[in-house]
Amino acid sequence: MSRPRPERVIIFDTTLRDGEQSPGATLNVEEKLAIAHQLALLGVDVIEAGFAAASPGDFEAVRSIAEQVGSADGPVICSLARAVKADIQAAAAALQPAAHPRIHVFISASDIHLQYQLRKSRVEVLAIVAEMVAYAKDLVEDVEFSPMDATRSDPDYLYQVIEQAIQAGATTINIPDTVGYRTPKEMEQLIQNIQANVPSINQVVLSVHTQNDLGLATANALAAIEHGVRQIECTINGIGERAGNTALEEIVMALEVRKPYFNPFLGRSVDSSESLTRIKTQEIYKTSRLVSHLTAMQVQPNKAIVGANAFAHESGIHQDGVLKHRETYEIMDAAAIGLSENQIVLGKHSGRSAFRTRLEELGFSLSEADLNKAFHRFKEIADKKKEVSDWDLEAIVQDELHVPIESGFQLEHVQVTCGDCTCPTATVTIVKPNGKIFTDAAVGTGPVDAVYRAINRLVEIPNQLVEFSVQSVTEGFDALGTVTVRLRSDNCLFTGQASDTDIVVASAHAYMTALNRIHRHLENRAKHPQPDVAGILF
């Protein structure tokens, strides 16, 4: 039986699964829920909510998203599972509340993986595929199958694996370029060969998952679309393992801006104006900022679509052209991704009504309690600087109303003394998880070093600072600064981020956020020993 090929591209977002595998990007349940709600608002078709069998925290995140976001009119909620019964059972249990659940089963298909990782023969893997896909199919109707490292697999064997999965009940076949190895021409040929050599391929939706190790992820995914692929697995801001994944915003806007080019590949007339995806593009920028904030992974300024420089012009020739006619040097409108072109400035005399209105225009819908909290912080910032821009407002809301860590240490007070003739000294007061308050002081090579030394003496969590960065939110001496730190502990990376006009204060709060993530990780590890899930790459 032939499965109808979708007349649009299905957007499968794996920010909460593959994206979270970025070093230091670990998210808690509340943070995952916040992103999942925004992904649903963005209009993604499938949310891969996590890997339910990986940990109790991942199971709870998948279940919570299935329950709160997986409504009848909402997206498909998916959980990854190895081709192992226990993984598939965990995925099914976590997805139970979702109206549209999907189990994503995977196993390696390349000889290098079979020999060195799985230590199984081709025949053994074929049998596992048949049994485990069928087992997943007994639990949910919608089953996706991925032969990991497909692009380095022997083609004839790959065709057998795919056919076996389809016969066992898979509804989507995903082709992962697990290590970002292919070029666009090679990806085209691979997709064509799969269609020519897998007898039942027309019964399923064909998908690709392309990694960005050679910077070709988006190009490979678009090449696959030209040859019949109808699902793209991607992440917000392109985050993910190693060099990351195909960026959702790049795929969506490429299809939108070059619609006349891609229309014929989806069976449409060249001049069709119908969107090629279900994505509400005006939500792209807001989603990008939310993911960047919660993962503490800054978007590079020259990042396509969502980078700070994506719609900026410094060259005199470019400025002259854009002022005369925007399309001389811009192929898309900033408003199309939800980016305000006019920076409305508020100040200390601005009232609550103006503040609320501008936040709503920027896409923030806050409860009365949250509005009061953000407005109080706005007034504090406005007293320190003359003008508060849209960029400042966004930083205030994201920082002040960020999803809290469930438990941990609270920074009560930080004070430093420093100068060219003074030894930098910091005094820090912390509330420990048991509610007791402690104060200590330390000296350092600079004010931030002194603060971190004092915090470490109080918290007593072993860690190594591997990255410290400061980014100005706006221009000027009174600009808000965003500090990002990455700490290594227990062979993992943990991030923290905070904003303030005082860089030392922002540094202290960012450091505390990262330490609380370590604290939570160590608590969870003690309560729930982690299963062996090494090698989950694609």
Protein backbone atom coordinates (compact mmCIF):
# COMPACT_ATOMS: atom_id res chain seq x y z
CA MET A 1 0.00 0.00 0.00
CA SER A 2 1.40 3.41 -0.97
CA ARG A 3 1.50 6.11 1.70
CA PRO A 4 0.57 9.58 0.32
CA ARG A 5 3.59 11.85 0.16
CA PRO A 6 3.00 15.11 2.10
CA GLU A 7 2.72 18.21 -0.06
CA ARG A 8 4.75 20.18 2.46
CA VAL A 9 7.89 19.64 4.52
CA ILE A 10 7.36 18.17 7.99
CA ILE A 11 9.50 19.93 10.61
CA PHE A 12 10.79 17.48 13.23
CA ASP A 13 12.40 19.48 16.03
CA THR A 14 15.00 17.67 18.13
CA THR A 15 16.21 20.65 20.19
CA LEU A 16 15.12 18.91 23.39
CA ARG A 17 16.91 15.67 22.51
CA ASP A 18 19.89 16.12 20.18
CA GLY A 19 20.15 19.83 20.96
CA GLU A 20 20.41 19.10 24.66
CA GLN A 21 23.37 16.84 23.91
CA SER A 22 25.43 19.98 23.26
CA PRO A 23 28.13 20.09 25.96
CA GLY A 24 26.77 22.10 28.89
CA ALA A 25 23.26 22.53 27.49
CA THR A 26 21.48 20.29 30.01
CA LEU A 27 17.91 21.43 30.71
CA ASN A 28 15.62 20.66 33.64
CA VAL A 29 11.97 19.63 33.26
CA GLU A 30 10.58 23.15 33.62
CA GLU A 31 13.02 24.53 31.06
CA LYS A 32 12.15 21.76 28.59
CA LEU A 33 8.45 22.48 29.08
CA ALA A 34 8.97 26.18 28.42
CA ILE A 35 10.76 25.39 25.15
CA ALA A 36 8.18 22.75 24.17
CA HIS A 37 5.30 25.22 24.61
CA GLN A 38 7.16 27.71 22.42
CA LEU A 39 7.90 25.04 19.78
CA ALA A 40 4.17 24.26 19.64
CA LEU A 41 3.45 27.98 19.22
CA LEU A 42 6.11 28.08 16.49
CA GLY A 43 4.17 25.38 14.66
CA VAL A 44 6.60 22.46 14.53
CA ASP A 45 4.99 19.18 13.44
CA VAL A 46 6.98 16.83 15.69
CA ILE A 47 8.72 17.55 19.01
CA GLU A 48 11.32 14.98 19.98
CA ALA A 49 10.91 15.59 23.70
CA GLY A 50 13.84 13.50 24.85
CA PHE A 51 15.18 10.02 25.43
CA ALA A 52 12.82 8.59 28.05
CA ALA A 53 15.04 5.66 29.04
CA ALA A 54 18.14 7.81 29.61
CA SER A 55 17.21 8.98 33.11
CA PRO A 56 14.25 9.60 35.43
CA GLY A 57 14.58 13.30 34.59
CA ASP A 58 14.31 12.63 30.85
CA PHE A 59 11.34 10.31 31.42
CA GLU A 60 9.57 12.98 33.45
CA ALA A 61 10.33 15.65 30.83
CA VAL A 62 8.91 13.51 28.00
CA ARG A 63 5.84 12.65 30.08
CA SER A 64 5.22 16.27 31.10
CA ILE A 65 5.53 17.50 27.52
CA ALA A 66 3.24 14.71 26.30
CA GLU A 67 0.69 15.73 28.93
CA GLN A 68 0.87 19.51 28.60
CA VAL A 69 1.82 20.07 24.95
CA GLY A 70 0.65 16.88 23.21
CA SER A 71 -3.04 17.81 22.87
CA ALA A 72 -5.30 16.63 20.06
CA ASP A 73 -4.63 19.81 18.08
CA GLY A 74 -0.97 19.94 19.10
CA PRO A 75 2.22 18.48 17.62
CA VAL A 76 3.30 14.86 17.56
CA ILE A 77 5.32 14.13 20.70
CA CYS A 78 8.23 11.75 20.15
CA SER A 79 10.70 9.90 22.34
CA LEU A 80 13.95 8.33 21.16
CA ALA A 81 14.57 4.67 22.00
CA ARG A 82 17.38 2.25 21.25
CA ALA A 83 16.30 -0.99 19.61
CA VAL A 84 15.94 -2.47 23.08
CA LYS A 85 12.67 -3.53 24.73
CA ALA A 86 13.31 -1.59 27.94
CA ASP A 87 13.91 1.65 26.00
CA ILE A 88 10.78 1.16 23.90
CA GLN A 89 8.69 0.39 26.99
CA ALA A 90 9.96 3.52 28.72
CA ALA A 91 9.20 5.64 25.64
CA ALA A 92 5.65 4.25 25.37
CA ALA A 93 4.98 4.84 29.07
CA ALA A 94 6.27 8.41 28.97
CA LEU A 95 4.29 9.20 25.80
CA GLN A 96 1.04 7.72 27.10
CA PRO A 97 -0.65 11.13 27.77
CA ALA A 98 0.03 12.43 24.23
CA ALA A 99 -2.77 12.49 21.68
CA HIS A 100 -0.24 11.82 18.90
CA PRO A 101 2.68 9.76 20.29
CA ARG A 102 5.66 8.58 18.23
CA ILE A 103 8.45 6.19 19.22
CA HIS A 104 11.72 6.79 17.38
CA VAL A 105 13.68 3.52 17.27
CA PHE A 106 17.29 3.47 16.14
CA ILE A 107 20.22 1.12 15.72
CA SER A 108 23.51 1.47 13.87
CA ALA A 109 23.85 0.20 10.32
CA SER A 110 27.46 0.99 9.37
CA ASP A 111 30.09 -1.73 9.59
CA ILE A 112 32.35 0.48 11.73
CA HIS A 113 29.57 0.83 14.31
CA LEU A 114 28.58 -2.83 14.14
CA GLN A 115 32.17 -3.96 14.66
CA TYR A 116 33.42 -1.52 17.28
CA GLN A 117 30.30 -0.32 19.08
CA LEU A 118 27.51 -2.90 18.86
CA ARG A 119 29.79 -5.91 18.31
CA LYS A 120 27.06 -7.59 16.30
CA SER A 121 26.83 -9.08 12.81
CA ARG A 122 24.69 -7.72 10.00
CA VAL A 123 22.34 -10.67 10.32
CA GLU A 124 21.89 -10.05 14.05
CA VAL A 125 21.08 -6.37 13.48
CA LEU A 126 18.52 -7.20 10.78
CA ALA A 127 16.75 -9.50 13.23
CA ILE A 128 16.81 -6.84 15.95
CA VAL A 129 15.31 -4.27 13.57
CA ALA A 130 12.43 -6.56 12.66
CA GLU A 131 11.68 -7.50 16.26
CA MET A 132 12.04 -4.09 17.91
CA VAL A 133 10.19 -2.02 15.29
CA ALA A 134 7.33 -4.53 15.45
CA TYR A 135 7.39 -4.32 19.25
CA ALA A 136 7.17 -0.51 19.12
CA LYS A 137 4.35 -0.78 16.57
CA ASP A 138 2.35 -2.89 19.05
CA LEU A 139 2.56 0.01 21.53
CA VAL A 140 1.96 3.04 19.27
CA GLU A 141 0.74 3.49 15.72
CA ASP A 142 3.40 6.02 14.70
CA VAL A 143 6.91 4.52 14.62
CA GLU A 144 9.99 6.18 13.17
CA PHE A 145 13.12 4.18 12.43
CA SER A 146 16.68 5.44 11.97
CA PRO A 147 19.65 3.35 10.79
CA MET A 148 22.37 5.30 12.62
CA ASP A 149 25.42 6.29 10.56
CA ALA A 150 23.41 5.54 7.42
CA THR A 151 25.58 7.69 5.20
CA ARG A 152 28.66 5.54 5.93
CA SER A 153 26.80 2.23 5.65
CA ASP A 154 27.16 -0.30 2.85
CA PRO A 155 24.33 0.72 0.46
CA ASP A 156 23.02 -2.77 -0.24
CA TYR A 157 22.90 -3.59 3.47
CA LEU A 158 21.27 -0.23 4.23
CA TYR A 159 18.47 -1.02 1.75
CA GLN A 160 17.85 -4.33 3.55
CA VAL A 161 17.70 -2.65 6.97
CA ILE A 162 15.24 -0.02 5.74
CA GLU A 163 13.00 -2.59 4.04
CA GLN A 164 13.01 -4.71 7.18
CA ALA A 165 11.90 -1.72 9.28
CA ILE A 166 9.07 -0.86 6.86
CA GLN A 167 7.82 -4.44 6.81
CA ALA A 168 7.83 -4.42 10.62
CA GLY A 169 5.57 -1.35 10.69
CA ALA A 170 7.67 1.82 10.55
CA THR A 171 5.75 4.84 9.26
CA THR A 172 8.75 7.18 8.89
CA ILE A 173 12.25 6.24 7.77
CA ASN A 174 14.91 8.70 8.81
CA ILE A 175 18.36 8.73 7.17
CA PRO A 176 20.92 10.13 9.65
CA ASP A 177 24.16 11.67 8.44
CA THR A 178 25.41 10.98 11.95
CA VAL A 179 28.91 12.39 11.57
CA GLY A 180 28.19 15.08 8.97
CA TYR A 181 30.10 13.20 6.30
CA ARG A 182 28.10 13.67 3.10
CA THR A 183 28.13 16.48 0.54
CA PRO A 184 24.88 17.69 -1.11
CA LYS A 185 25.51 15.77 -4.35
CA GLU A 186 26.22 12.59 -2.42
CA MET A 187 23.07 13.11 -0.34
CA GLU A 188 21.02 13.49 -3.52
CA GLN A 189 22.44 10.24 -4.89
CA LEU A 190 21.85 8.37 -1.63
CA ILE A 191 18.19 9.41 -1.48
CA GLN A 192 17.67 8.48 -5.13
CA ASN A 193 19.29 5.08 -4.59
CA ILE A 194 17.13 4.38 -1.53
CA GLN A 195 14.01 5.19 -3.52
CA ALA A 196 15.16 2.95 -6.37
CA ASN A 197 16.27 -0.03 -4.27
CA VAL A 198 13.88 -0.22 -1.29
CA PRO A 199 10.67 -1.84 -2.62
CA SER A 200 8.34 -0.46 0.07
CA ILE A 201 9.79 3.05 0.37
CA ASN A 202 6.60 4.65 -0.97
CA GLN A 203 4.72 3.37 2.07
CA VAL A 204 6.58 5.71 4.45
CA VAL A 205 7.57 9.33 4.91
CA LEU A 206 11.25 9.73 4.10
CA SER A 207 13.29 11.92 6.46
CA VAL A 208 16.88 13.10 6.94
CA HIS A 209 18.88 14.14 9.98
CA THR A 210 22.03 16.00 8.94
CA GLN A 211 24.87 16.96 11.27
CA ASN A 212 27.01 20.05 10.62
CA ASP A 213 30.57 18.74 11.08
CA LEU A 214 31.62 20.08 7.66
CA GLY A 215 29.19 23.02 7.68
CA LEU A 216 26.95 21.26 5.14
CA ALA A 217 23.93 20.29 7.27
CA THR A 218 21.44 22.75 5.79
CA ALA A 219 22.73 22.26 2.24
CA ASN A 220 22.43 18.47 2.60
CA ALA A 221 18.90 18.72 3.99
CA LEU A 222 17.74 21.03 1.18
CA ALA A 223 19.29 18.70 -1.41
CA ALA A 224 17.32 15.84 0.13
CA ILE A 225 14.07 17.82 -0.13
CA GLU A 226 14.68 18.27 -3.85
CA HIS A 227 14.66 14.49 -4.22
CA GLY A 228 11.57 13.51 -2.28
CA VAL A 229 12.44 13.79 1.41
CA ARG A 230 9.46 15.24 3.26
CA GLN A 231 10.66 15.43 6.87
CA ILE A 232 13.67 17.37 8.14
CA GLU A 233 15.07 16.78 11.62
CA CYS A 234 16.53 20.02 12.93
CA THR A 235 17.16 22.16 16.03
CA ILE A 236 16.70 25.78 17.03
CA ASN A 237 19.93 27.73 16.41
CA GLY A 238 21.44 24.52 14.99
CA ILE A 239 22.60 23.32 18.42
CA GLY A 240 23.51 19.68 19.00
CA GLU A 241 26.35 17.18 19.23
CA ARG A 242 29.78 18.47 18.20
CA ALA A 243 29.22 21.11 15.45
CA GLY A 244 25.45 20.83 15.76
CA ASN A 245 22.52 20.04 13.47
CA THR A 246 20.57 21.52 10.63
CA ALA A 247 19.16 24.81 11.95
CA LEU A 248 15.36 24.95 11.85
CA GLU A 249 15.37 28.66 11.04
CA GLU A 250 17.68 28.13 8.05
CA ILE A 251 15.57 25.35 6.53
CA VAL A 252 12.28 27.19 7.05
CA MET A 253 13.46 30.54 5.73
CA ALA A 254 15.27 28.96 2.77
CA LEU A 255 11.99 27.31 1.77
CA GLU A 256 10.12 30.57 2.37
CA VAL A 257 12.48 32.96 0.59
CA ARG A 258 13.18 30.58 -2.31
CA LYS A 259 9.61 29.33 -2.59
CA PRO A 260 9.47 29.63 -6.43
CA TYR A 261 12.55 27.40 -6.63
CA PHE A 262 11.29 24.71 -4.22
CA ASN A 263 7.61 24.72 -5.23
CA PRO A 264 8.03 22.34 -8.20
CA PHE A 265 9.84 19.78 -6.03
CA LEU A 266 6.68 19.55 -3.92
CA GLY A 267 4.37 19.31 -6.90
CA ARG A 268 3.27 22.94 -6.87
CA SER A 269 3.27 25.62 -9.51
CA VAL A 270 6.27 27.94 -9.46
CA ASP A 271 4.16 30.93 -8.41
CA SER A 272 2.25 29.20 -5.61
CA SER A 273 2.20 31.40 -2.49
CA GLU A 274 1.26 28.61 -0.05
CA SER A 275 3.85 28.02 2.67
CA LEU A 276 6.01 24.92 2.34
CA THR A 277 5.95 24.30 6.11
CA ARG A 278 3.51 24.91 8.97
CA ILE A 279 5.99 27.13 10.81
CA LYS A 280 4.81 30.56 11.99
CA THR A 281 7.95 32.39 10.98
CA GLN A 282 7.17 35.42 13.17
CA GLU A 283 7.91 33.18 16.19
CA ILE A 284 11.40 32.23 15.00
CA TYR A 285 13.39 34.99 16.67
CA LYS A 286 11.57 34.67 19.99
CA THR A 287 12.13 30.89 19.98
CA SER A 288 15.80 31.37 19.15
CA ARG A 289 16.29 33.74 22.07
CA LEU A 290 14.46 31.45 24.50
CA VAL A 291 16.61 28.44 23.56
CA SER A 292 19.79 30.55 23.67
CA HIS A 293 18.91 31.83 27.13
CA LEU A 294 17.86 28.53 28.71
CA THR A 295 20.82 26.59 27.28
CA ALA A 296 23.21 29.50 27.94
CA MET A 297 24.52 29.04 24.39
CA GLN A 298 25.05 32.40 22.73
CA VAL A 299 24.09 32.75 19.08
CA GLN A 300 27.10 33.84 17.06
CA PRO A 301 26.59 37.38 15.65
CA ASN A 302 26.97 36.27 12.03
CA LYS A 303 24.59 33.30 12.41
CA ALA A 304 22.17 33.11 9.48
CA ILE A 305 18.61 34.35 10.16
CA VAL A 306 18.85 34.89 13.95
CA GLY A 307 22.35 36.33 14.49
CA ALA A 308 22.70 39.93 15.73
CA ASN A 309 24.29 40.92 12.42
CA ALA A 310 21.82 39.09 10.16
CA PHE A 311 19.95 42.33 9.40
CA ALA A 312 22.73 44.81 10.26
CA HIS A 313 24.62 46.92 7.71
CA GLU A 314 27.88 48.77 8.35
CA SER A 315 29.26 49.16 4.82
CA GLY A 316 28.44 52.61 3.44
CA ILE A 317 27.46 51.14 0.08
CA HIS A 318 25.11 48.64 1.74
CA GLN A 319 23.61 51.28 4.03
CA ASP A 320 22.96 53.58 1.09
CA GLY A 321 21.28 50.78 -0.86
CA VAL A 322 19.09 49.59 2.01
CA LEU A 323 17.96 53.13 2.83
CA LYS A 324 16.91 53.64 -0.79
CA HIS A 325 15.28 50.22 -1.18
CA ARG A 326 15.51 47.45 1.44
CA GLU A 327 15.71 44.61 -1.09
CA THR A 328 18.96 45.90 -2.56
CA TYR A 329 20.84 44.08 0.21
CA GLU A 330 18.18 42.16 2.19
CA ILE A 331 16.49 39.06 0.78
CA MET A 332 14.04 38.81 3.69
CA ASP A 333 12.22 41.19 5.99
CA ALA A 334 13.35 41.19 9.62
CA ALA A 335 9.68 41.32 10.63
CA ALA A 336 9.17 37.94 8.94
CA ILE A 337 11.05 36.22 11.78
CA GLY A 338 9.49 38.39 14.49
CA LEU A 339 12.38 40.82 14.83
CA SER A 340 11.31 44.41 15.52
CA GLU A 341 12.97 46.83 13.13
CA ASN A 342 12.18 49.85 15.32
CA GLN A 343 13.92 49.93 18.67
CA ILE A 344 11.40 51.68 20.99
CA VAL A 345 13.18 53.12 24.01
CA LEU A 346 11.64 53.27 27.49
CA GLY A 347 13.03 55.13 30.48
CA LYS A 348 12.61 55.51 34.24
CA HIS A 349 9.51 57.68 33.78
CA SER A 350 7.73 55.06 31.67
CA GLY A 351 4.67 53.52 33.30
CA ARG A 352 3.43 49.99 33.73
CA SER A 353 0.99 50.31 30.81
CA ALA A 354 3.70 51.31 28.32
CA PHE A 355 5.94 48.58 29.70
CA ARG A 356 3.22 45.92 29.31
CA THR A 357 2.31 47.10 25.81
CA ARG A 358 5.90 47.00 24.59
CA LEU A 359 6.46 43.52 26.04
CA GLU A 360 3.34 42.27 24.25
CA GLU A 361 4.60 43.80 21.00
CA LEU A 362 7.86 41.93 21.54
CA GLY A 363 5.93 38.66 21.98
CA PHE A 364 5.97 38.31 25.78
CA SER A 365 2.63 37.49 27.40
CA LEU A 366 3.09 37.70 31.18
CA SER A 367 0.81 37.01 34.12
CA GLU A 368 0.15 39.89 36.49
CA ALA A 369 2.61 38.48 39.04
CA ASP A 370 5.33 38.01 36.42
CA LEU A 371 4.64 41.48 34.98
CA ASN A 372 5.08 43.04 38.41
CA LYS A 373 8.34 41.17 38.91
CA ALA A 374 9.69 42.21 35.50
CA PHE A 375 8.49 45.82 35.95
CA HIS A 376 10.30 46.07 39.29
CA ARG A 377 13.53 44.88 37.61
CA PHE A 378 12.91 47.31 34.71
CA LYS A 379 12.68 50.23 37.15
CA GLU A 380 15.93 49.15 38.81
CA ILE A 381 17.69 49.06 35.45
CA ALA A 382 16.10 52.32 34.29
CA ASP A 383 17.47 54.09 37.38
CA LYS A 384 20.96 52.97 36.41
CA LYS A 385 20.79 53.90 32.71
CA LYS A 386 18.97 56.65 30.87
CA GLU A 387 17.36 54.55 28.16
CA VAL A 388 16.14 50.95 28.16
CA SER A 389 15.88 49.52 24.64
CA ASP A 390 14.01 46.51 23.28
CA TRP A 391 17.21 44.47 23.64
CA ASP A 392 17.40 45.43 27.31
CA LEU A 393 13.73 44.56 27.85
CA GLU A 394 14.26 41.14 26.33
CA ALA A 395 17.28 40.51 28.57
CA ILE A 396 15.34 41.67 31.64
CA VAL A 397 12.41 39.37 30.98
CA GLN A 398 14.52 36.35 30.02
CA ASP A 399 16.85 36.79 33.00
CA GLU A 400 14.35 37.81 35.68
CA LEU A 401 11.66 35.32 34.72
CA HIS A 402 13.93 32.40 33.80
CA VAL A 403 12.78 28.93 34.82
CA PRO A 404 14.28 28.34 38.27
CA ILE A 405 16.47 25.45 39.28
CA GLU A 406 14.36 23.18 41.50
CA SER A 407 16.75 23.34 44.48
CA GLY A 408 20.17 24.55 45.38
CA PHE A 409 22.11 27.54 46.66
CA GLN A 410 20.81 31.11 46.63
CA LEU A 411 23.08 34.13 46.31
CA GLU A 412 22.02 36.69 48.94
CA HIS A 413 24.77 39.30 48.78
CA VAL A 414 27.99 40.04 46.92
CA GLN A 415 30.38 42.93 47.50
CA VAL A 416 33.85 43.55 46.10
CA THR A 417 36.69 45.99 46.63
CA CYS A 418 39.37 46.38 44.00
CA GLY A 419 41.70 48.87 42.38
CA ASP A 420 45.23 49.30 41.08
CA CYS A 421 46.62 49.58 44.63
CA THR A 422 44.20 47.19 46.32
CA CYS A 423 44.10 43.41 46.52
CA PRO A 424 40.74 42.38 44.94
CA THR A 425 38.54 41.10 47.75
CA ALA A 426 35.00 39.71 47.65
CA THR A 427 32.48 39.11 50.42
CA VAL A 428 29.68 36.69 49.56
CA THR A 429 26.56 35.58 51.45
CA ILE A 430 24.79 32.38 50.37
CA VAL A 431 21.67 30.53 51.52
CA LYS A 432 22.36 26.81 51.39
CA PRO A 433 19.72 24.21 50.38
CA ASN A 434 19.02 23.52 54.07
CA GLY A 435 18.07 27.19 54.58
CA LYS A 436 21.15 28.15 56.60
CA ILE A 437 22.92 31.40 55.73
CA PHE A 438 26.72 31.58 55.44
CA THR A 439 29.12 34.40 54.64
CA ASP A 440 32.76 34.20 53.58
CA ALA A 441 35.38 36.35 51.91
CA ALA A 442 38.27 35.66 49.55
CA VAL A 443 40.92 37.46 47.56
CA GLY A 444 41.69 36.86 43.89
CA THR A 445 43.56 38.12 40.86
CA GLY A 446 40.54 40.28 40.02
CA PRO A 447 37.03 41.00 41.36
CA VAL A 448 35.35 38.13 39.52
CA ASP A 449 38.07 35.67 40.54
CA ALA A 450 37.66 36.79 44.16
CA VAL A 451 33.88 36.30 44.00
CA TYR A 452 34.26 32.80 42.53
CA ARG A 453 36.81 31.81 45.15
CA ALA A 454 34.48 32.96 47.93
CA ILE A 455 31.53 31.10 46.41
CA ASN A 456 33.57 27.91 46.03
CA ARG A 457 34.57 28.02 49.70
CA LEU A 458 30.90 28.18 50.69
CA VAL A 459 29.40 25.77 48.17
CA GLU A 460 32.19 23.15 48.24
CA ILE A 461 31.34 21.64 44.85
CA PRO A 462 34.44 20.57 42.87
CA ASN A 463 34.49 22.28 39.48
CA GLN A 464 36.76 23.71 36.84
CA LEU A 465 35.95 26.96 35.03
CA VAL A 466 36.43 26.24 31.31
CA GLU A 467 34.73 29.29 29.77
CA PHE A 468 33.87 32.81 30.89
CA SER A 469 32.41 35.30 28.43
CA VAL A 470 30.76 38.71 28.63
CA GLN A 471 28.48 40.06 25.93
CA SER A 472 27.00 43.54 25.85
CA VAL A 473 23.25 43.49 25.22
CA THR A 474 23.22 47.09 23.95
CA GLU A 475 25.78 49.80 23.25
CA GLY A 476 27.19 52.34 25.69
CA PHE A 477 28.84 52.39 29.10
CA ASP A 478 25.51 51.72 30.83
CA ALA A 479 24.67 48.67 28.73
CA LEU A 480 23.37 45.46 30.24
CA GLY A 481 26.02 42.79 30.15
CA THR A 482 25.26 39.09 29.81
CA VAL A 483 27.77 36.74 31.40
CA THR A 484 28.02 33.08 30.37
CA VAL A 485 30.10 30.56 32.28
CA ARG A 486 30.80 26.90 31.66
CA LEU A 487 32.01 24.64 34.44
CA ARG A 488 33.37 21.11 34.21
CA SER A 489 32.43 18.66 36.96
CA ASP A 490 31.97 14.90 37.03
CA ASN A 491 33.21 14.74 33.39
CA CYS A 492 30.26 16.92 32.25
CA LEU A 493 29.87 20.57 31.26
CA PHE A 494 27.36 22.84 33.00
CA THR A 495 26.40 26.36 31.95
CA GLY A 496 25.08 29.44 33.69
CA GLN A 497 24.01 32.81 32.36
CA ALA A 498 22.86 36.11 33.90
CA SER A 499 22.49 39.79 32.93
CA ASP A 500 23.08 43.00 34.87
CA THR A 501 24.51 46.47 34.40
CA ASP A 502 27.15 45.38 36.95
CA ILE A 503 29.29 42.69 35.34
CA VAL A 504 30.55 41.40 38.71
CA VAL A 505 26.97 40.84 39.91
CA ALA A 506 26.04 39.16 36.62
CA SER A 507 29.16 36.98 36.90
CA ALA A 508 28.18 35.86 40.41
CA HIS A 509 24.62 34.93 39.41
CA ALA A 510 25.79 33.10 36.27
CA TYR A 511 28.29 31.11 38.35
CA MET A 512 25.61 30.20 40.91
CA THR A 513 23.28 28.97 38.15
CA ALA A 514 25.98 26.65 36.80
CA LEU A 515 26.83 25.40 40.30
CA ASN A 516 23.17 24.66 40.99
CA ARG A 517 23.02 22.62 37.80
CA ILE A 518 26.00 20.60 39.06
CA HIS A 519 24.34 20.25 42.47
CA ARG A 520 21.15 18.92 40.88
CA HIS A 521 23.13 16.56 38.62
CA LEU A 522 25.06 15.09 41.55
CA GLU A 523 21.86 14.66 43.58
CA ASN A 524 20.10 12.88 40.71
CA ARG A 525 23.09 10.65 40.04
CA ALA A 526 23.17 9.59 43.69
CA LYS A 527 19.45 8.78 43.68
CA HIS A 528 19.27 7.22 40.20
CA PRO A 529 22.39 5.59 38.71
CA GLN A 530 22.46 6.31 34.98
CA PRO A 531 22.11 3.53 32.38
CA ASP A 532 24.72 3.16 29.68
CA VAL A 533 23.48 5.33 26.82
CA ALA A 534 26.83 6.12 25.24
CA GLY A 535 26.93 6.70 21.52
CA ILE A 536 23.58 8.49 21.17
CA LEU A 537 24.83 10.84 18.49
CA PHE A 538 22.50 11.51 15.64
